[in-house]
Protein backbone atom coordinates (compact mmCIF):
# COMPACT_ATOMS: atom_id res chain seq x y z
CA MET A 1 -149.09 185.90 -15.79
CA ASP A 2 -150.82 185.95 -12.44
CA GLY A 3 -149.76 183.40 -9.89
CA ARG A 4 -146.70 182.26 -11.82
CA CYS A 5 -144.50 179.65 -10.11
CA SER A 6 -142.15 181.56 -7.81
CA TRP A 7 -138.94 179.78 -8.88
CA CYS A 8 -138.55 181.80 -12.08
CA GLY A 9 -138.51 185.18 -10.34
CA GLU A 10 -138.48 188.19 -12.65
CA ASP A 11 -135.53 187.41 -14.94
CA PRO A 12 -137.00 187.75 -18.48
CA LEU A 13 -135.16 184.66 -19.76
CA TYR A 14 -136.33 182.57 -16.82
CA VAL A 15 -139.90 183.89 -17.10
CA ALA A 16 -140.00 183.07 -20.83
CA TYR A 17 -138.68 179.57 -20.12
CA HIS A 18 -141.34 179.07 -17.45
CA ASP A 19 -144.12 180.42 -19.66
CA THR A 20 -143.28 178.51 -22.83
CA GLU A 21 -141.12 175.44 -22.16
CA TRP A 22 -141.05 174.16 -18.59
CA GLY A 23 -143.49 171.34 -18.04
CA VAL A 24 -144.57 171.00 -21.67
CA PRO A 25 -144.71 167.28 -22.52
CA GLU A 26 -141.72 166.44 -24.73
CA TYR A 27 -141.81 163.20 -26.73
CA ASP A 28 -138.89 163.73 -29.11
CA SER A 29 -136.00 161.41 -28.17
CA ARG A 30 -133.24 163.87 -29.05
CA ALA A 31 -134.90 166.76 -27.23
CA LEU A 32 -135.35 164.55 -24.15
CA TRP A 33 -131.68 163.59 -24.31
CA GLU A 34 -130.54 167.21 -24.66
CA LYS A 35 -132.61 168.24 -21.65
CA LEU A 36 -131.21 165.36 -19.59
CA ILE A 37 -127.64 166.32 -20.52
CA LEU A 38 -128.25 169.97 -19.64
CA ASP A 39 -129.82 168.98 -16.32
CA GLY A 40 -126.68 166.93 -15.64
CA PHE A 41 -124.53 169.98 -16.32
CA GLN A 42 -126.72 171.94 -13.92
CA ALA A 43 -125.74 169.74 -10.94
CA GLY A 44 -124.31 172.07 -8.30
CA LEU A 45 -125.37 175.18 -10.24
CA SER A 46 -128.57 177.11 -10.79
CA TRP A 47 -130.74 176.34 -13.81
CA ILE A 48 -130.57 179.97 -14.96
CA THR A 49 -126.80 179.54 -15.39
CA ILE A 50 -127.41 176.67 -17.82
CA LEU A 51 -130.27 178.48 -19.52
CA ARG A 52 -128.03 181.48 -20.21
CA LYS A 53 -125.41 179.17 -21.72
CA ARG A 54 -127.82 176.85 -23.59
CA ASP A 55 -127.07 178.26 -27.05
CA ASN A 56 -123.33 177.96 -26.34
CA PHE A 57 -123.86 174.36 -25.25
CA ARG A 58 -125.77 173.61 -28.44
CA ALA A 59 -122.94 175.05 -30.54
CA ALA A 60 -120.17 173.34 -28.57
CA PHE A 61 -121.97 169.97 -28.55
CA ASP A 62 -122.81 169.97 -32.25
CA GLY A 63 -126.53 170.53 -31.75
CA PHE A 64 -126.59 167.71 -29.20
CA ASP A 65 -126.33 165.14 -31.97
CA PRO A 66 -125.67 161.92 -30.05
CA GLN A 67 -124.42 160.18 -33.22
CA VAL A 68 -121.63 162.76 -33.50
CA ILE A 69 -120.88 163.05 -29.78
CA ALA A 70 -120.62 159.26 -29.34
CA GLY A 71 -117.53 159.33 -31.56
CA TRP A 72 -115.71 162.02 -29.62
CA ASP A 73 -112.41 161.42 -27.85
CA GLU A 74 -109.91 163.14 -25.57
CA ALA A 75 -109.21 165.87 -28.16
CA ASP A 76 -112.89 166.85 -28.01
CA VAL A 77 -112.83 166.82 -24.21
CA THR A 78 -109.80 169.15 -24.29
CA ARG A 79 -111.56 171.44 -26.80
CA LEU A 80 -114.65 171.65 -24.61
CA LEU A 81 -112.63 172.28 -21.45
CA ALA A 82 -111.24 175.38 -23.19
CA ASP A 83 -114.71 176.68 -24.17
CA SER A 84 -115.66 179.48 -21.75
CA GLY A 85 -119.20 179.54 -23.14
CA ILE A 86 -120.14 176.30 -21.38
CA VAL A 87 -119.68 174.74 -17.96
CA ARG A 88 -116.15 173.35 -18.12
CA HIS A 89 -116.28 170.21 -16.02
CA ARG A 90 -114.31 167.21 -17.23
CA GLY A 91 -116.56 164.64 -15.54
CA LYS A 92 -119.72 166.13 -17.03
CA ILE A 93 -118.17 166.42 -20.50
CA GLU A 94 -116.91 162.84 -20.41
CA ALA A 95 -120.30 161.70 -19.09
CA THR A 96 -122.00 163.39 -22.05
CA ILE A 97 -119.89 161.38 -24.49
CA GLY A 98 -120.68 158.15 -22.65
CA ASN A 99 -124.33 159.15 -22.37
CA ALA A 100 -124.47 159.64 -26.14
CA ARG A 101 -123.29 156.06 -26.60
CA ALA A 102 -125.86 154.79 -24.07
CA TYR A 103 -128.59 156.87 -25.74
CA LEU A 104 -127.83 155.34 -29.15
CA LYS A 105 -128.17 151.80 -27.77
CA ILE A 106 -131.54 152.57 -26.18
CA GLU A 107 -132.75 154.49 -29.24
CA GLU A 108 -131.90 151.58 -31.52
CA ARG A 109 -133.40 148.98 -29.20
CA GLU A 110 -136.72 150.62 -28.37
CA GLY A 111 -136.53 154.38 -28.73
CA PHE A 112 -135.28 156.66 -25.98
CA SER A 113 -138.62 158.44 -25.69
CA ARG A 114 -140.52 155.20 -25.29
CA PHE A 115 -137.94 153.88 -22.80
CA LEU A 116 -138.67 156.89 -20.59
CA TRP A 117 -142.36 157.62 -21.16
CA ASP A 118 -143.31 153.97 -20.55
CA ARG A 119 -142.28 154.57 -16.93
CA VAL A 120 -145.17 157.04 -16.51
CA GLY A 121 -147.68 155.17 -18.66
CA GLY A 122 -147.08 157.40 -21.69
CA ALA A 123 -148.68 160.53 -20.22
CA PRO A 124 -147.60 163.14 -17.66
CA ILE A 125 -148.34 162.72 -13.98
CA GLN A 126 -150.59 165.62 -12.99
CA ASN A 127 -149.53 166.85 -9.57
CA ALA A 128 -151.53 169.45 -7.66
CA PHE A 129 -149.09 171.28 -5.41
CA ALA A 130 -150.34 174.56 -3.96
CA SER A 131 -146.83 175.89 -3.25
CA MET A 132 -143.27 175.21 -4.31
CA ALA A 133 -142.56 174.10 -0.72
CA GLU A 134 -144.70 171.00 -1.42
CA VAL A 135 -142.75 170.01 -4.56
CA PRO A 136 -140.30 167.18 -3.83
CA ALA A 137 -136.66 167.24 -4.93
CA GLU A 138 -136.93 163.58 -5.90
CA THR A 139 -139.50 160.80 -5.84
CA PRO A 140 -139.53 157.00 -5.84
CA LEU A 141 -140.15 157.21 -9.60
CA SER A 142 -137.18 159.53 -10.21
CA ARG A 143 -135.04 157.13 -8.18
CA ARG A 144 -136.23 154.23 -10.36
CA ILE A 145 -135.61 156.10 -13.63
CA SER A 146 -132.19 157.19 -12.38
CA LYS A 147 -131.35 153.57 -11.57
CA ASP A 148 -132.62 152.42 -14.97
CA LEU A 149 -130.54 155.06 -16.79
CA LYS A 150 -127.43 154.19 -14.81
CA ALA A 151 -127.95 150.50 -15.64
CA GLU A 152 -127.84 151.55 -19.30
CA GLY A 153 -124.53 153.36 -18.79
CA PHE A 154 -125.69 156.93 -18.08
CA LYS A 155 -123.87 159.20 -15.63
CA PHE A 156 -124.83 162.49 -13.95
CA CYS A 157 -128.42 161.33 -13.73
CA GLY A 158 -129.10 160.97 -10.00
CA PRO A 159 -132.67 161.05 -8.69
CA THR A 160 -132.69 164.82 -8.08
CA ILE A 161 -131.35 165.57 -11.58
CA VAL A 162 -133.88 163.12 -13.04
CA TYR A 163 -136.76 164.72 -11.16
CA ALA A 164 -135.77 168.21 -12.35
CA TRP A 165 -135.57 166.79 -15.87
CA MET A 166 -138.99 165.10 -15.49
CA GLN A 167 -140.44 168.47 -14.52
CA ALA A 168 -138.73 170.28 -17.40
CA CYS A 169 -139.84 167.81 -20.07
CA GLY A 170 -143.37 167.47 -18.74
CA MET A 171 -143.31 163.92 -17.43
CA VAL A 172 -144.75 165.50 -14.30
CA ASN A 173 -146.77 168.70 -14.15
CA ASP A 174 -145.29 170.55 -11.19
CA HIS A 175 -146.57 174.02 -11.99
CA VAL A 176 -148.29 175.05 -8.79
CA THR A 177 -152.09 175.02 -8.96
CA GLY A 178 -152.25 178.81 -8.70
CA CYS A 179 -150.08 179.19 -11.80
CA ALA A 180 -151.95 179.63 -15.09
CA ARG A 181 -149.49 177.24 -16.74
CA HIS A 182 -150.70 174.37 -14.53
CA ALA A 183 -154.01 174.09 -16.39
CA GLN A 184 -152.44 174.95 -19.77
CA VAL A 185 -149.81 172.23 -19.46
CA ALA A 186 -152.37 169.73 -18.15
CA ALA A 187 -154.48 170.36 -21.27
CA MET A 188 -151.48 169.44 -23.48
CA ALA A 189 -151.23 165.95 -22.01
CA PRO A 190 -152.70 162.91 -23.70
CA PRO A 191 -155.16 160.98 -21.52
CA ARG A 192 -153.65 158.56 -19.01
């Protein structure tokens, strides 16, 4: 693909992720939750590290079923800390369990997808950055969503993590304008 966003480099896994997933609007509550959890695990690491371990994460975290994870305890934390296929970080593992409980409350009350997409009016924000140097690490909106998630009991969801997650799940279209995916992803969005 000509003019592809530079962040994915030439790694085939990263290129495939860029070309098929990143920036595509995601409205499924569970998929949004999984992506948020994985972005939390990415804190301090590169996204390609998480991407390479994503299948291991899905196996270790029972398909990211929040109903199951919400019932986990210290024995599950210990099991996960011994799993070399994932990022073994006690705080992030414990946060995932707490985040599952917070997710379930939001999902029951109003739907996790709605809770999040309402903050952008139900449709992706279409940015028009010419280069990756113009793309912010966080925005006032990512700070607000981070604050809202934390108020609901979420952890490992700071404004930078939230903005990376917003990009990944298509709440913002941050493919650079010279990337073919910019127009493709924009065409997937419902009207604002």
